Protein backbone atom coordinates (compact mmCIF):
# COMPACT_ATOMS: atom_id res chain seq x y z
CA MET A 1 0.26 0.01 0.15
CA PHE A 2 1.28 3.38 -0.97
CA ILE A 3 0.10 6.52 0.82
CA TYR A 4 1.05 9.99 -0.63
CA ASP A 5 0.58 13.98 0.28
CA ILE A 6 -0.37 15.03 -2.81
CA LEU A 7 -1.21 18.28 -2.58
CA LYS A 8 0.74 21.47 -2.01
CA ILE A 9 -1.00 24.33 -0.47
CA ILE A 10 1.02 27.68 -0.03
CA ILE A 11 -0.87 30.88 1.69
CA PHE A 12 0.53 34.42 1.20
CA VAL A 13 4.00 32.85 -0.70
CA GLU A 14 3.93 32.73 -4.54
CA MET A 15 4.29 29.08 -5.60
CA GLU A 16 7.44 28.19 -7.90
CA GLU A 17 6.33 26.97 -11.28
CA TYR A 18 8.17 23.75 -11.78
CA ASN A 19 10.27 24.13 -14.86
CA LEU A 20 7.93 22.88 -17.70
CA ASN A 21 8.12 24.06 -21.47
CA GLU A 22 5.94 23.55 -24.11
CA ARG A 23 7.69 20.45 -25.27
CA ASP A 24 8.03 18.81 -21.89
CA ILE A 25 3.67 19.51 -21.35
CA LEU A 26 3.28 17.96 -24.83
CA SER A 27 5.43 14.78 -24.20
CA LYS A 28 3.74 14.07 -20.74
CA LEU A 29 0.25 14.25 -22.65
CA ALA A 30 1.31 12.13 -25.35
CA LEU A 31 2.37 9.66 -22.59
CA ILE A 32 -1.01 9.82 -20.88
CA GLU A 33 -3.00 9.39 -24.21
CA LYS A 34 -0.68 6.52 -24.96
CA HIS A 35 -1.77 4.90 -21.39
CA LEU A 36 -5.22 6.03 -21.41
CA SER A 37 -6.38 6.17 -24.95
CA GLY A 38 -10.01 5.70 -25.61
CA PHE A 39 -11.26 8.09 -22.90
CA ASN A 40 -14.20 10.20 -23.69
CA SER A 41 -13.43 14.09 -25.32
CA CYS A 42 -15.71 15.69 -23.30
CA PHE A 43 -15.86 17.63 -19.59
CA TYR A 44 -17.24 16.23 -16.75
CA GLU A 45 -20.34 17.92 -15.41
CA VAL A 46 -20.75 18.41 -11.83
CA SER A 47 -23.99 17.31 -9.89
CA LYS A 48 -26.42 20.37 -9.21
CA GLU A 49 -27.44 18.74 -5.84
CA PHE A 50 -23.15 18.40 -4.70
CA SER A 51 -22.63 19.96 -1.61
CA PRO A 52 -19.21 19.49 0.25
CA ILE A 53 -20.60 19.88 3.35
CA ASN A 54 -22.72 16.76 2.94
CA ILE A 55 -20.34 13.80 3.28
CA ILE A 56 -23.16 11.51 1.34
CA SER A 57 -23.05 13.99 -1.63
CA VAL A 58 -19.40 13.86 -1.76
CA GLN A 59 -19.42 9.97 -1.92
CA LYS A 60 -22.03 10.26 -4.96
CA GLU A 61 -19.98 12.37 -6.33
CA ALA A 62 -16.65 10.68 -6.32
CA SER A 63 -18.03 7.60 -7.00
CA LYS A 64 -19.66 9.38 -10.55
CA MET A 65 -16.59 10.86 -11.04
CA MET A 66 -14.83 7.37 -11.15
CA LYS A 67 -17.50 5.91 -13.19
CA PHE A 68 -16.93 9.04 -15.65
CA VAL A 69 -13.04 8.09 -16.07
CA GLY A 70 -13.64 4.31 -16.43
CA LEU A 71 -13.50 3.00 -12.70
CA LEU A 72 -16.63 1.28 -13.43
CA HIS A 73 -16.05 -1.59 -10.26
CA HIS A 74 -14.18 0.83 -7.63
CA VAL A 75 -15.72 2.24 -4.47
CA ALA A 76 -14.73 5.68 -3.11
CA CYS A 77 -14.15 6.35 0.39
CA ILE A 78 -13.93 9.81 0.97
CA SER A 79 -13.68 11.75 4.48
CA TYR A 80 -12.32 15.16 5.55
CA THR A 81 -9.52 15.09 7.95
CA ASN A 82 -6.77 17.13 9.50
CA THR A 83 -4.10 16.46 6.64
CA LYS A 84 -0.39 17.29 7.31
CA GLU A 85 0.08 20.94 6.97
CA GLY A 86 0.52 21.94 3.08
CA THR A 87 -1.28 18.72 2.16
CA GLY A 88 -4.68 18.82 0.30
CA GLY A 89 -5.63 15.40 0.49
CA ASN A 90 -4.23 11.95 0.69
CA ILE A 91 -5.41 8.59 -1.25
CA GLU A 92 -4.44 5.21 -0.83
CA LEU A 93 -2.61 3.51 -3.76
CA ASP A 94 -2.85 -0.72 -4.22
CA ASN A 95 -4.80 -2.90 -6.08
CA SER A 96 -7.87 -2.76 -4.15
CA GLU A 97 -11.24 -1.58 -5.78
CA THR A 98 -11.68 0.34 -2.77
CA VAL A 99 -10.45 3.82 -2.95
CA PHE A 100 -9.32 5.81 0.45
CA ILE A 101 -9.19 9.32 -0.03
CA ASP A 102 -8.77 11.93 2.42
CA ILE A 103 -9.59 15.68 1.74
CA ASN A 104 -8.54 18.38 4.01
CA GLN A 105 -11.10 19.42 6.45
CA ASP A 106 -10.22 23.18 5.76
CA TYR A 107 -12.24 22.47 2.35
CA LYS A 108 -15.50 21.46 3.84
CA ASN A 109 -17.16 24.71 2.52
CA ASP A 110 -15.30 25.22 -0.59
CA LYS A 111 -17.10 23.60 -3.42
CA GLU A 112 -14.17 23.92 -6.08
CA LYS A 113 -11.23 23.17 -3.74
CA THR A 114 -13.05 19.82 -2.78
CA LEU A 115 -13.71 18.86 -6.44
CA ALA A 116 -9.99 20.02 -7.46
CA VAL A 117 -8.75 17.68 -4.45
CA MET A 118 -11.13 14.58 -5.55
CA ALA A 119 -10.20 15.10 -9.33
CA HIS A 120 -6.67 14.89 -8.87
CA GLU A 121 -6.90 12.02 -6.19
CA ILE A 122 -8.88 9.93 -8.61
CA CYS A 123 -6.53 10.60 -11.79
CA HIS A 124 -4.00 9.07 -9.43
CA LYS A 125 -5.74 6.01 -8.90
CA VAL A 126 -6.57 6.36 -12.78
CA LEU A 127 -2.61 6.22 -13.51
CA PHE A 128 -1.86 3.69 -11.59
CA VAL A 129 -4.56 1.21 -12.54
CA HIS A 130 -3.21 2.04 -16.43
CA GLY A 131 0.28 1.42 -15.56
CA LEU A 132 1.73 4.96 -15.53
CA TYR A 133 3.10 5.07 -12.09
CA TYR A 134 6.76 5.85 -11.24
CA PRO A 135 7.39 4.53 -7.78
CA ASN A 136 10.91 6.32 -6.84
CA ASN A 137 9.85 9.36 -8.50
CA CYS A 138 6.96 11.08 -6.80
CA ILE A 139 7.59 14.89 -8.85
CA GLU A 140 6.65 13.10 -11.90
CA ASN A 141 3.83 11.38 -10.62
CA GLU A 142 2.06 14.71 -9.54
CA LEU A 143 2.87 16.43 -12.55
CA LEU A 144 1.43 13.47 -14.76
CA THR A 145 -1.57 13.27 -12.69
CA ASP A 146 -2.41 17.41 -13.02
CA ILE A 147 -2.13 17.12 -16.49
CA SER A 148 -3.99 13.76 -16.86
CA THR A 149 -7.32 15.92 -14.84
CA VAL A 150 -7.52 18.11 -17.85
CA TYR A 151 -7.03 15.01 -20.60
CA VAL A 152 -9.65 12.78 -18.79
CA GLY A 153 -12.33 15.94 -18.54
CA PHE A 154 -11.59 17.20 -15.22
CA GLY A 155 -9.97 20.33 -16.60
CA LYS A 156 -12.65 22.95 -15.14
CA LEU A 157 -12.68 21.23 -11.91
CA SER A 158 -8.67 21.75 -11.84
CA LEU A 159 -8.96 25.28 -13.45
CA ASN A 160 -11.25 26.48 -11.02
CA GLY A 161 -10.02 25.22 -8.12
CA CYS A 162 -6.27 25.35 -8.43
CA TYR A 163 -5.60 28.87 -7.17
CA ASN A 164 -7.31 31.20 -4.96
CA GLU A 165 -6.96 34.57 -4.37
CA ARG A 166 -8.44 36.45 -1.41
CA ILE A 167 -7.81 40.25 -0.38
CA SER A 168 -8.18 41.13 3.37
CA ASN A 169 -8.11 44.67 4.94
CA SER A 170 -6.82 45.48 8.69
CA ARG A 171 -5.61 48.05 10.85
CA GLU A 172 -2.25 47.80 12.48
CA TRP A 173 -0.22 49.69 14.77
CA LYS A 174 3.24 50.81 13.14
CA GLY A 175 5.62 54.08 13.72
CA ASN A 176 3.29 55.34 16.81
CA GLN A 177 0.32 55.14 14.56
CA TRP A 178 -2.31 53.10 13.14
CA VAL A 179 -2.36 52.25 9.28
CA ASP A 180 -4.85 50.30 6.82
CA VAL A 181 -2.87 46.96 5.74
CA THR A 182 -4.31 45.06 2.72
CA THR A 183 -3.04 41.15 2.86
CA THR A 184 -3.44 39.26 -0.35
CA HIS A 185 -4.09 35.57 0.57
CA LYS A 186 -2.80 33.32 -2.68
CA GLU A 187 -3.62 29.69 -2.16
CA PHE A 188 -2.64 27.09 -4.64
CA ILE A 189 -3.56 23.46 -5.09
CA GLY A 190 -1.45 21.24 -7.19
CA TYR A 191 1.66 20.88 -8.64
CA LEU A 192 1.19 22.79 -11.98
CA SER A 193 0.32 26.73 -11.71
CA LEU A 194 -3.24 28.20 -13.04
CA LYS A 195 -0.90 29.23 -16.68
CA GLN A 196 0.25 25.81 -17.04
CA PHE A 197 -3.33 24.35 -16.36
CA ALA A 198 -4.41 26.58 -19.08
CA PHE A 199 -1.80 25.79 -21.21
CA VAL A 200 -2.94 21.87 -20.95
CA TYR A 201 -6.65 22.78 -21.44
CA ASN A 202 -5.86 24.79 -24.71
CA ILE A 203 -4.11 21.64 -26.12
CA VAL A 204 -6.72 19.37 -25.21
CA CYS A 205 -9.68 21.49 -26.16
CA ASN A 206 -7.83 22.27 -29.93
CA VAL A 207 -7.08 18.59 -30.35
CA TYR A 208 -10.51 17.26 -29.63
CA ARG A 209 -12.07 20.28 -31.26
CA ILE A 210 -14.08 21.32 -28.63
CA PRO A 211 -16.19 24.70 -29.43
CA ASP A 212 -15.49 27.66 -27.74
CA GLU A 213 -18.74 28.47 -26.19
CA ILE A 214 -18.40 24.64 -24.28
CA LYS A 215 -14.58 25.17 -23.67
CA MET A 216 -15.09 28.47 -21.89
CA SER A 217 -18.43 27.54 -20.07
CA GLY A 218 -18.18 26.98 -16.28
CA LEU A 219 -14.53 28.45 -15.65
CA SER A 220 -14.34 30.74 -13.07
CA ARG A 221 -13.37 34.32 -13.73
CA LEU A 222 -9.84 34.07 -13.02
CA ALA A 223 -9.59 30.61 -14.93
CA THR A 224 -11.21 32.11 -17.96
CA ASN A 225 -8.52 35.05 -18.25
CA GLU A 226 -5.99 32.55 -18.14
CA VAL A 227 -7.29 30.39 -20.68
CA ARG A 228 -8.02 33.46 -23.11
CA CYS A 229 -4.57 34.98 -22.36
CA SER A 230 -2.79 31.49 -23.12
CA ALA A 231 -5.06 30.47 -26.45
CA PRO A 232 -3.13 33.07 -28.81
CA GLN A 233 0.31 31.39 -27.75
CA TYR A 234 -0.26 28.06 -27.10
CA VAL A 235 -3.02 26.53 -29.42
CA HIS A 236 -1.84 24.36 -31.98
CA THR A 237 -3.75 23.26 -34.92
CA THR A 238 -3.70 19.52 -35.73
CA TYR A 239 -2.51 18.87 -39.17
CA SER A 240 -3.78 16.81 -42.10
CA LEU A 241 -2.39 13.98 -44.08
CA SER A 242 -1.91 16.97 -47.25
CA GLU A 243 -0.53 19.56 -44.87
CA LEU A 244 1.94 16.81 -43.26
CA ARG A 245 2.91 15.51 -46.83
CA GLN A 246 3.42 19.81 -47.57
CA LYS A 247 5.50 19.97 -44.39
CA LEU A 248 7.56 16.82 -45.33
CA ARG A 249 8.15 18.21 -48.75
CA ILE A 250 9.40 21.67 -48.05
CA THR A 251 12.15 20.34 -45.09
CA GLN A 252 13.22 17.00 -47.47
CA GLU A 253 12.89 18.76 -50.62
CA GLN A 254 16.99 19.27 -50.92
CA ASP A 255 17.34 15.74 -49.43
CA ALA A 256 15.17 14.40 -52.31
CA GLU A 257 17.25 15.99 -55.30
CA MET A 258 20.34 14.83 -53.73
CA THR A 259 19.30 11.54 -53.69
CA ARG A 260 18.17 12.04 -57.20
CA CYS A 261 21.47 12.91 -58.38
CA ILE A 262 23.25 10.40 -56.43
CA ILE A 263 21.32 7.55 -58.29
CA LEU A 264 21.99 9.08 -61.51
CA ILE A 265 25.76 9.30 -60.75
CA GLU A 266 25.62 6.61 -59.45
CA SER A 267 24.15 4.87 -62.78
CA ILE A 268 26.87 6.68 -64.52
CA ILE A 269 29.90 5.09 -62.38
CA SER A 270 28.05 1.29 -63.03
CA GLU A 271 28.05 2.26 -66.96
CA LEU A 272 31.71 3.95 -66.80
CA LYS A 273 32.78 0.84 -64.47
CA LEU A 274 31.45 -1.70 -67.24
CA ARG A 275 33.20 0.07 -69.71
CA ILE A 276 36.43 0.00 -68.01
CA LYS A 277 36.05 -3.28 -67.49
CA LYS A 278 35.25 -4.09 -71.21
CA ASN A 279 38.39 -2.06 -72.23
CA HIS A 280 40.60 -3.96 -69.86
CA LYS A 281 39.33 -7.20 -70.91
CA GLN A 282 39.95 -6.20 -74.76
CA PHE A 283 43.35 -5.05 -73.96
CA ASN A 284 43.96 -8.26 -72.42
CA GLU A 285 42.85 -10.29 -75.42
CA ASP A 286 44.60 -8.03 -77.78
CA PHE A 287 47.98 -7.62 -76.08
CA VAL A 288 48.83 -9.26 -72.70
CA LEU A 289 47.81 -12.93 -73.88
CA PRO A 290 49.51 -12.60 -77.16
CA TYR A 291 52.64 -10.72 -75.41
CA ALA A 292 53.06 -13.17 -72.67
CA LYS A 293 52.75 -16.37 -74.90
CA CYS A 294 55.82 -15.09 -76.91
CA ASN A 295 59.31 -16.71 -75.70
CA ASN A 296 61.57 -14.53 -74.22
CA ASN A 297 63.95 -14.80 -77.06
CA GLU A 298 61.47 -13.80 -80.07
CA TYR A 299 62.07 -10.41 -79.36
CA VAL A 300 60.97 -9.66 -83.07
CA GLU A 301 57.41 -11.36 -82.62
CA LYS A 302 57.41 -9.46 -79.54
CA GLN A 303 58.23 -6.16 -81.50
CA ILE A 304 55.36 -6.84 -83.84
CA VAL A 305 52.74 -7.35 -81.02
CA ALA A 306 53.77 -4.02 -79.43
CA THR A 307 53.90 -2.06 -82.45
CA GLU A 308 50.18 -3.50 -83.38
CA LEU A 309 49.25 -2.46 -80.18
CA PHE A 310 50.37 1.00 -80.34
CA SER A 311 48.99 1.70 -83.79
CA LYS A 312 45.60 0.17 -82.01
CA TYR A 313 45.67 2.09 -78.58
CA SER A 314 48.07 5.08 -79.33
CA GLY A 315 45.09 7.46 -80.62
CA LEU A 316 44.12 9.37 -77.66
CA ASP A 317 40.42 8.75 -76.56
CA ASN A 318 38.86 12.20 -76.64
CA GLU A 319 35.54 11.17 -74.93
CA LYS A 320 37.38 9.49 -72.03
CA THR A 321 39.63 12.49 -71.43
CA GLU A 322 36.54 14.70 -71.52
CA ILE A 323 34.94 12.37 -68.62
CA ILE A 324 38.10 12.28 -66.64
CA CYS A 325 38.36 16.33 -66.75
CA LEU A 326 34.71 16.19 -65.65
CA LEU A 327 35.37 13.57 -62.55
CA GLN A 328 38.35 15.53 -61.58
CA LYS A 329 36.23 19.11 -61.57
CA PHE A 330 33.72 17.44 -59.69
CA ILE A 331 36.14 16.15 -56.93
CA ASP A 332 38.34 19.28 -56.67
CA GLY A 333 35.13 21.18 -56.38
CA TYR A 334 33.70 19.04 -53.61
CA THR A 335 37.31 18.28 -52.07
CA THR A 336 37.92 21.98 -51.46
CA ASN A 337 35.13 22.50 -48.63
CA HIS A 338 34.50 19.02 -47.69
CA GLU A 339 36.75 16.14 -46.14
CA ILE A 340 36.66 12.77 -47.81
CA ASN A 341 37.82 9.24 -46.53
CA ASN A 342 41.00 8.50 -48.70
CA SER A 343 40.62 4.80 -47.54
CA ILE A 344 39.14 4.31 -51.08
CA LEU A 345 42.54 4.67 -52.80
CA PHE A 346 43.27 1.57 -50.84
CA ASP A 347 40.87 -0.71 -52.21
CA ILE A 348 42.18 -1.88 -55.58
CA GLU A 349 39.70 -4.06 -57.82
CA CYS A 350 41.05 -6.31 -61.03
CA PRO A 351 39.38 -4.70 -63.56
CA CYS A 352 39.50 -8.34 -65.52
CA CYS A 353 38.14 -10.52 -62.32
CA GLY A 354 36.73 -8.17 -60.11
CA TYR A 355 39.22 -9.43 -57.32
CA LYS A 356 39.77 -6.76 -54.14
CA LYS A 357 43.08 -6.63 -52.56
CA GLN A 358 43.72 -3.89 -49.95
CA LYS A 359 47.08 -2.20 -51.03
CA GLY A 360 48.53 0.43 -49.88
CA VAL A 361 49.26 2.85 -53.10
CA LYS A 362 48.01 6.17 -51.60
CA GLU A 363 51.41 7.79 -51.78
CA GLN A 364 52.51 6.26 -55.31
CA LYS A 365 51.74 8.34 -58.17
CA GLU A 366 51.33 5.15 -60.69
CA LEU A 367 51.82 1.45 -60.01
CA PHE A 368 51.70 -1.89 -62.40
CA ILE A 369 49.43 -4.25 -60.17
CA ARG A 370 49.28 -8.17 -60.96
CA CYS A 371 46.14 -9.74 -60.01
CA PRO A 372 46.89 -12.73 -57.88
CA ASN A 373 43.57 -14.38 -58.78
CA CYS A 374 44.17 -14.11 -62.64
CA GLY A 375 47.51 -12.97 -63.12
CA TYR A 376 46.04 -10.01 -65.14
CA MET A 377 48.50 -6.73 -65.09
CA PHE A 378 47.20 -3.17 -64.78
CA LEU A 379 48.00 0.07 -64.12
CA TRP A 380 47.00 2.17 -61.08
CA SER A 381 47.22 5.65 -61.14
CA SER A 382 46.69 8.28 -58.29
CA ASN A 383 47.89 11.09 -60.52
CA GLU A 384 45.76 13.89 -61.25
CA LYS A 385 46.06 13.17 -65.13
CA GLY A 386 43.88 15.85 -66.21
CA LYS A 387 46.05 18.10 -64.80
CA HIS A 388 49.38 17.53 -66.42
CA GLN A 389 49.10 15.24 -69.45
CA ASN A 390 51.05 15.77 -72.38
CA ASN A 391 48.99 15.02 -75.32
CA SER A 392 51.81 14.68 -77.96
CA LYS A 393 51.86 11.27 -79.68
CA ALA A 394 55.66 11.43 -79.14
CA TYR A 395 55.26 11.50 -75.56
CA SER A 396 52.62 8.96 -75.45
CA PHE A 397 54.50 6.33 -77.59
CA HIS A 398 57.65 7.10 -75.29
CA SER A 399 55.42 6.94 -72.08
CA PHE A 400 53.70 3.76 -73.31
CA PHE A 401 56.92 1.82 -73.97
CA LYS A 402 58.31 2.78 -70.79
CA LYS A 403 55.28 1.31 -68.98
CA ILE A 404 55.55 -1.87 -71.19
CA PHE A 405 59.16 -2.17 -70.37
CA LEU A 406 57.97 -1.71 -66.33
CA LEU A 407 55.36 -4.27 -67.09
CA PHE A 408 57.17 -7.03 -68.46
CA LYS A 409 60.76 -6.70 -67.09
CA LYS A 410 62.22 -9.97 -65.73
CA GLU A 411 62.31 -9.92 -62.12
């Protein structure tokens, strides 16, 4: 059995508001909605014959309130007692269907305070029954309970009873004379301020589309003023599906366009990789395999193969040069303002068989690699060819045979 001192009363002193911002309250409302889904979106109406002085009337009203929030088989046992100082009421929380609630006897003649205490205590039981309860976090339980009073339909009871202001006049002897003294008595019930209650009330009314005339009826003067003042700032409009799509379109427009570009780039890269692989296979069939079949002493035959290769491949491919320039321009433009992972330079793939091997070639300008899987030899270049390439055929011929010599020289 758990007994809680759940309502705070402070007289003559302003109550410090718990630091709950808009997001905190919305999060707690969402949590309550998740646990208490299915409750009626209407306000509780107090019986016309209700009288806080008559304990039988209080018992009947408490039973009616419990049925309103779904506690159909529970029985309320209400009593006015001398509660601990600063406490408006107590409740015993257990799995029993008999609900014992104590109310501060000072409220016996105050309808609004009595109803506010009962609304709070009954919501304690509602949250406990539905599993929204933190054994080691009393403040969290209290804040959730205050907010839940509004969610389940007790909002007007909490708004009317959470704050009371009374002004008294008296005469006191001060400075060798009698002076008139005005004292403001401020009394708070609950853990939310009137402003915070009004905030929650506006949200709930807006979500359930409560008409303004129903929303404002039955509220006290102070509660009415606070609800009206907070409405322009706090009222939220629920979004329709079309509005949500429009919001998503605005926030995701650039990401969608970037994704489209990436998909197109990936498609282009895939096509280029196929063309490069095809070229390498053709080069392998036209030159590497025939050259490798020649005996080491057949210098003339090797020269013939090399000459035929040069006549076939020595012409510069303008399309490839243009593609390389475009790719290099994109890389230079991106890397100027962004860091990229250079580990891709270590992942070398054989253009013929697709075998991959991690090899550190980052600091080398160009390197001939023999594939350990299929034996194909190919050039790996990390030099920016587009910036330094000499287009003359003489240079191409000299460079080509220099590479051939490096490729096939005896180890």
